[in-house]
Amino acid sequence: MLVILSIIAIVAIVTLYDYFSAGKWQQVTSVSRNSLVFENRNQEYGAYALRKDYDRNLMWIMLGLFLTIGTAYGSYVIYKSIPEEVIPPPPVDTSQFVVPAPPEEDVPPPPKEELPPPMEKTVAFIAPVVVDIEVDEEVVIVDPDVKVSNVTNDVEEENWSPPVDTEVKVTETKAPETYTFVDEEAEFVGGYGAMGAYIQKHIVYPEVAKEANIQGKCYLKFAVASDGSISSVQVVRGIPGCPECDKAAMKVVKSMPNWKAGKINGKSVSSWFQMPINFTLE
């Protein structure tokens, strides 16, 4: 700010000095020059009036400029001299806080030492002494008409017969295991082409699905026994909004003839098979 004001003041001083130091006759505002130029002309207005009052107007302008510069500079100095308001820092709370000690954890008491069990009363083992003692054996005379048995039966009956074991033994037959993975998968007789033709021929498209224009795939899972018969037919994922389609798919699978059973190590076994049936309206 101070630098700008100084530059303006220097320019104004140089301008005034240049104006007043020049020759009077060379200046456009020279009184003697204007009197001679406008001697026989109208001097009430126009160029003569402008040139005549030019010096006075210039003085007023320069005076106003200096006053403005002085006022601005003075205001700037006064503004800078006003001390800034210092905001005191917030008071510091010097009160002391007591931090409670952490609660003591309940330490379980040490386990009691188990005393060894009391000693049992024992008797020292004495090895037996082998002694040759003569034993009088009683000779039993067996009647040839009496059967030898480990049970003595003194009852004499003419029509006696041994007891008959009437207990019935039940043997549990374990059902054959149904395998998920086999060496050779079960197969419809004739292959996939024959199976597709069979399904196309025997399946019945539900009327409800036709009217509602319902289409989709029904995924089925069933077991093929070792003899090729089909059982345990179930729906893995049906067609949304059409349980009739799922029932129709299960019905056509149950009606299939016996398949070629799956094999493990060349032996026919019961295995699971999954198959999708597609319902499409032409």
Protein backbone atom coordinates (compact mmCIF):
# COMPACT_ATOMS: atom_id res chain seq x y z
CA MET A 1 0.00 0.00 0.00
CA LEU A 2 2.77 2.41 0.92
CA VAL A 3 4.64 1.66 -2.29
CA ILE A 4 1.55 2.39 -4.46
CA LEU A 5 0.89 5.72 -2.77
CA SER A 6 4.52 6.73 -3.13
CA ILE A 7 4.48 6.00 -6.88
CA ILE A 8 1.30 8.07 -7.38
CA ALA A 9 2.76 11.01 -5.49
CA ILE A 10 6.00 10.92 -7.53
CA VAL A 11 4.06 10.90 -10.81
CA ALA A 12 1.91 13.86 -9.72
CA ILE A 13 4.95 15.91 -8.65
CA VAL A 14 6.79 15.20 -11.90
CA THR A 15 3.70 16.20 -13.93
CA LEU A 16 3.29 19.54 -12.10
CA TYR A 17 6.96 20.30 -12.36
CA ASP A 18 7.00 19.64 -16.08
CA TYR A 19 3.94 21.83 -16.58
CA PHE A 20 5.14 24.89 -14.67
CA SER A 21 8.76 24.68 -15.80
CA ALA A 22 7.87 24.81 -19.52
CA GLY A 23 7.83 28.14 -21.35
CA LYS A 24 4.68 30.10 -21.09
CA TRP A 25 4.38 30.75 -24.78
CA GLN A 26 4.79 27.08 -25.70
CA GLN A 27 1.96 26.05 -23.39
CA VAL A 28 -1.54 25.82 -24.82
CA THR A 29 -2.89 27.48 -21.71
CA SER A 30 -0.61 30.54 -21.98
CA VAL A 31 -2.68 33.72 -21.41
CA SER A 32 -0.71 35.89 -23.83
CA ARG A 33 -0.88 33.20 -26.52
CA ASN A 34 -4.62 32.66 -26.14
CA SER A 35 -5.28 36.47 -26.16
CA LEU A 36 -3.44 36.76 -29.42
CA VAL A 37 -5.06 33.67 -30.99
CA PHE A 38 -8.63 34.52 -29.91
CA GLU A 39 -8.29 38.34 -30.31
CA ASN A 40 -11.06 38.75 -32.86
CA ARG A 41 -13.00 35.56 -31.98
CA ASN A 42 -15.72 34.56 -29.57
CA GLN A 43 -14.20 34.17 -26.10
CA GLU A 44 -17.37 33.27 -24.16
CA TYR A 45 -17.17 29.49 -24.70
CA GLY A 46 -15.26 26.94 -26.67
CA ALA A 47 -11.51 26.43 -26.71
CA TYR A 48 -10.68 29.79 -25.20
CA ALA A 49 -12.74 29.14 -22.06
CA LEU A 50 -11.24 25.64 -21.68
CA ARG A 51 -7.67 26.91 -22.05
CA LYS A 52 -8.24 29.85 -19.74
CA ASP A 53 -9.54 27.71 -16.84
CA TYR A 54 -7.23 24.74 -17.46
CA ASP A 55 -4.53 25.79 -14.93
CA ARG A 56 -7.07 26.41 -12.19
CA ASN A 57 -8.85 23.12 -12.85
CA LEU A 58 -5.54 21.26 -12.88
CA MET A 59 -4.63 22.75 -9.49
CA TRP A 60 -7.94 21.64 -8.02
CA ILE A 61 -7.52 18.18 -9.46
CA MET A 62 -4.01 17.80 -8.11
CA LEU A 63 -5.11 19.16 -4.73
CA GLY A 64 -7.96 16.66 -4.61
CA LEU A 65 -5.56 13.89 -5.63
CA PHE A 66 -3.11 14.77 -2.86
CA LEU A 67 -5.92 14.97 -0.32
CA THR A 68 -7.23 11.59 -1.42
CA ILE A 69 -3.76 10.03 -1.24
CA GLY A 70 -3.14 11.58 2.15
CA THR A 71 -6.51 10.47 3.48
CA ALA A 72 -5.97 6.89 2.21
CA TYR A 73 -2.48 6.74 3.63
CA GLY A 74 -3.58 8.17 6.96
CA SER A 75 -6.43 5.68 7.19
CA TYR A 76 -4.03 2.88 6.40
CA VAL A 77 -1.60 4.00 9.11
CA ILE A 78 -4.42 4.36 11.67
CA TYR A 79 -5.78 0.93 10.75
CA LYS A 80 -2.37 -0.68 11.16
CA SER A 81 -1.83 1.06 14.49
CA ILE A 82 -4.98 -0.43 16.02
CA PRO A 83 -3.84 -3.34 18.20
CA GLU A 84 -5.32 -6.72 17.35
CA GLU A 85 -7.69 -8.21 19.82
CA VAL A 86 -5.99 -11.08 21.54
CA ILE A 87 -8.39 -13.86 22.40
CA PRO A 88 -7.30 -15.40 25.64
CA PRO A 89 -6.89 -19.16 25.58
CA PRO A 90 -9.59 -21.18 27.31
CA PRO A 91 -8.96 -21.83 30.96
CA VAL A 92 -7.19 -25.06 31.71
CA ASP A 93 -8.86 -27.30 34.19
CA THR A 94 -6.17 -28.12 36.71
CA SER A 95 -8.34 -30.37 38.79
CA GLN A 96 -6.91 -33.83 39.30
CA PHE A 97 -8.66 -36.95 38.24
CA VAL A 98 -8.30 -40.15 40.16
CA VAL A 99 -8.16 -43.18 37.94
CA PRO A 100 -9.56 -46.18 39.76
CA ALA A 101 -7.41 -49.24 39.86
CA PRO A 102 -8.55 -52.14 37.71
CA PRO A 103 -10.61 -54.71 39.58
CA GLU A 104 -8.70 -57.64 40.83
CA GLU A 105 -9.47 -60.84 39.02
CA ASP A 106 -10.61 -63.74 41.08
CA VAL A 107 -7.75 -66.14 40.94
CA PRO A 108 -9.00 -69.69 41.41
CA PRO A 109 -7.32 -71.54 44.25
CA PRO A 110 -4.66 -74.03 43.26
CA PRO A 111 -5.98 -77.55 42.74
CA LYS A 112 -5.74 -79.81 45.70
CA GLU A 113 -3.12 -82.46 45.51
CA GLU A 114 -4.75 -85.83 45.21
CA LEU A 115 -3.45 -88.27 47.70
CA PRO A 116 -2.51 -91.68 46.42
CA PRO A 117 -5.10 -94.38 47.14
CA PRO A 118 -4.50 -96.42 50.27
CA MET A 119 -2.47 -99.53 49.79
CA GLU A 120 -4.44 -102.75 49.61
CA LYS A 121 -3.64 -105.64 51.79
CA THR A 122 -1.79 -108.27 49.75
CA VAL A 123 -0.50 -111.73 50.40
CA ALA A 124 2.75 -112.96 49.01
CA PHE A 125 2.38 -115.57 46.27
CA ILE A 126 3.78 -118.98 47.26
CA ALA A 127 4.62 -121.26 44.42
CA PRO A 128 2.86 -124.60 44.69
CA VAL A 129 4.91 -127.68 45.46
CA VAL A 130 4.20 -130.66 43.26
CA VAL A 131 3.99 -133.89 45.29
CA ASP A 132 3.25 -137.36 43.97
CA ILE A 133 0.13 -138.62 45.81
CA GLU A 134 -1.55 -141.85 44.99
CA VAL A 135 -5.26 -141.36 44.14
CA ASP A 136 -7.69 -144.24 44.24
CA GLU A 137 -9.83 -143.88 41.12
CA GLU A 138 -13.32 -145.24 41.26
CA VAL A 139 -14.11 -147.51 38.37
CA VAL A 140 -17.55 -146.83 36.91
CA ILE A 141 -19.26 -149.74 35.23
CA VAL A 142 -21.43 -148.46 32.37
CA ASP A 143 -24.60 -150.34 31.49
CA PRO A 144 -24.63 -150.97 27.74
CA ASP A 145 -28.37 -150.20 27.62
CA VAL A 146 -27.93 -146.72 29.18
CA LYS A 147 -26.81 -143.77 27.07
CA VAL A 148 -23.84 -141.82 28.25
CA SER A 149 -24.54 -138.13 28.97
CA ASN A 150 -23.22 -135.26 31.04
CA VAL A 151 -26.56 -135.15 32.88
CA THR A 152 -27.78 -137.97 35.04
CA ASN A 153 -31.44 -138.88 34.48
CA ASP A 154 -32.80 -141.50 36.81
CA VAL A 155 -36.38 -141.32 35.50
CA GLU A 156 -37.28 -144.37 33.57
CA GLU A 157 -39.95 -143.74 30.96
CA GLU A 158 -40.76 -145.90 28.05
CA ASN A 159 -41.80 -143.04 25.70
CA TRP A 160 -39.14 -140.50 26.69
CA SER A 161 -37.67 -138.34 23.99
CA PRO A 162 -35.07 -135.53 24.16
CA PRO A 163 -36.35 -131.88 24.24
CA VAL A 164 -36.80 -130.12 20.92
CA ASP A 165 -35.30 -126.63 20.34
CA THR A 166 -38.31 -124.46 19.37
CA GLU A 167 -36.44 -121.11 19.15
CA VAL A 168 -36.88 -119.38 15.76
CA LYS A 169 -33.83 -117.50 14.49
CA VAL A 170 -34.49 -114.38 12.37
CA THR A 171 -31.81 -113.37 9.92
CA GLU A 172 -31.79 -109.69 8.83
CA THR A 173 -31.26 -109.18 5.12
CA LYS A 174 -29.34 -105.99 4.34
CA ALA A 175 -30.69 -103.95 1.41
CA PRO A 176 -28.20 -103.49 -1.43
CA GLU A 177 -26.34 -100.18 -1.49
CA THR A 178 -27.26 -97.63 -4.16
CA TYR A 179 -24.08 -96.06 -5.56
CA THR A 180 -23.69 -92.49 -6.79
CA PHE A 181 -20.51 -93.10 -8.78
CA VAL A 182 -20.03 -96.27 -10.83
CA ASP A 183 -17.60 -97.47 -13.49
CA GLU A 184 -20.37 -97.83 -16.11
CA GLU A 185 -23.49 -95.67 -15.77
CA ALA A 186 -26.97 -97.14 -16.08
CA GLU A 187 -28.41 -96.77 -19.58
CA PHE A 188 -31.80 -96.90 -21.25
CA VAL A 189 -31.99 -99.86 -23.62
CA GLY A 190 -31.17 -98.38 -27.02
CA GLY A 191 -29.33 -95.29 -25.71
CA TYR A 192 -30.33 -91.66 -25.32
CA GLY A 193 -32.06 -91.50 -28.68
CA ALA A 194 -34.42 -94.33 -27.79
CA MET A 195 -35.04 -92.81 -24.36
CA GLY A 196 -35.95 -89.43 -25.91
CA ALA A 197 -38.33 -91.10 -28.34
CA TYR A 198 -39.99 -93.01 -25.51
CA ILE A 199 -40.48 -89.86 -23.42
CA GLN A 200 -41.79 -87.92 -26.44
CA LYS A 201 -44.32 -90.64 -27.14
CA HIS A 202 -45.62 -91.38 -23.63
CA ILE A 203 -45.43 -88.05 -21.77
CA VAL A 204 -48.63 -85.99 -21.41
CA TYR A 205 -48.25 -82.18 -21.46
CA PRO A 206 -50.63 -80.84 -18.73
CA GLU A 207 -53.50 -78.75 -20.04
CA VAL A 208 -53.00 -76.23 -17.23
CA ALA A 209 -49.43 -75.61 -18.42
CA LYS A 210 -50.60 -75.23 -22.02
CA GLU A 211 -53.23 -72.63 -21.09
CA ALA A 212 -50.76 -70.67 -18.95
CA ASN A 213 -47.98 -71.04 -21.57
CA ILE A 214 -45.62 -72.58 -18.98
CA GLN A 215 -42.34 -74.05 -20.25
CA GLY A 216 -39.16 -75.24 -18.59
CA LYS A 217 -37.04 -78.17 -17.44
CA CYS A 218 -37.84 -80.64 -14.66
CA TYR A 219 -34.79 -82.36 -13.15
CA LEU A 220 -35.43 -85.89 -11.84
CA LYS A 221 -33.40 -88.35 -9.78
CA PHE A 222 -34.14 -92.07 -9.57
CA ALA A 223 -32.45 -95.37 -8.73
CA VAL A 224 -31.75 -98.08 -11.28
CA ALA A 225 -31.51 -101.44 -9.48
CA SER A 226 -29.08 -104.20 -10.38
CA ASP A 227 -31.87 -105.91 -12.35
CA GLY A 228 -32.60 -102.68 -14.30
CA SER A 229 -35.86 -101.77 -12.53
CA ILE A 230 -36.55 -98.12 -11.69
CA SER A 231 -37.48 -96.95 -8.18
CA SER A 232 -37.25 -93.96 -5.80
CA VAL A 233 -38.24 -91.41 -8.47
CA GLN A 234 -38.01 -87.87 -7.05
CA VAL A 235 -37.93 -84.28 -8.31
CA VAL A 236 -34.60 -82.50 -7.70
CA ARG A 237 -35.74 -79.17 -9.20
CA GLY A 238 -39.16 -78.71 -10.69
CA ILE A 239 -40.73 -76.15 -12.99
CA PRO A 240 -41.84 -73.07 -11.01
CA GLY A 241 -45.61 -72.69 -10.84
CA CYS A 242 -46.36 -76.04 -12.50
CA PRO A 243 -46.48 -79.03 -10.12
CA GLU A 244 -48.56 -80.84 -12.78
CA CYS A 245 -45.48 -80.84 -15.06
CA ASP A 246 -43.37 -82.42 -12.30
CA LYS A 247 -46.01 -85.16 -11.79
CA ALA A 248 -46.15 -85.84 -15.54
CA ALA A 249 -42.34 -86.20 -15.67
CA MET A 250 -42.32 -88.62 -12.70
CA LYS A 251 -45.11 -90.66 -14.27
CA VAL A 252 -43.33 -91.19 -17.59
CA VAL A 253 -40.09 -92.21 -15.81
CA LYS A 254 -41.91 -94.74 -13.62
CA SER A 255 -43.50 -96.25 -16.74
CA MET A 256 -40.14 -96.93 -18.43
CA PRO A 257 -39.06 -100.53 -19.07
CA ASN A 258 -36.03 -101.98 -17.30
CA TRP A 259 -32.69 -100.31 -18.02
CA LYS A 260 -29.18 -101.65 -18.30
CA ALA A 261 -27.88 -101.52 -14.74
CA GLY A 262 -24.71 -99.67 -13.80
CA LYS A 263 -21.57 -101.67 -13.14
CA ILE A 264 -18.64 -101.61 -10.73
CA ASN A 265 -15.72 -103.92 -11.57
CA GLY A 266 -17.94 -105.57 -14.17
CA LYS A 267 -20.68 -106.40 -11.63
CA SER A 268 -24.21 -104.97 -11.95
CA VAL A 269 -25.10 -102.74 -8.98
CA SER A 270 -27.87 -100.36 -7.96
CA SER A 271 -27.01 -96.75 -8.87
CA TRP A 272 -28.51 -93.24 -8.94
CA PHE A 273 -29.30 -91.51 -12.22
CA GLN A 274 -30.27 -87.87 -12.89
CA MET A 275 -32.17 -86.75 -15.98
CA PRO A 276 -33.83 -83.48 -17.15
CA ILE A 277 -37.14 -83.51 -19.03
CA ASN A 278 -37.83 -80.40 -21.11
CA PHE A 279 -41.40 -79.09 -21.52
CA THR A 280 -41.62 -76.90 -24.65
CA LEU A 281 -44.64 -75.57 -26.49
CA GLU A 282 -44.24 -75.47 -30.26
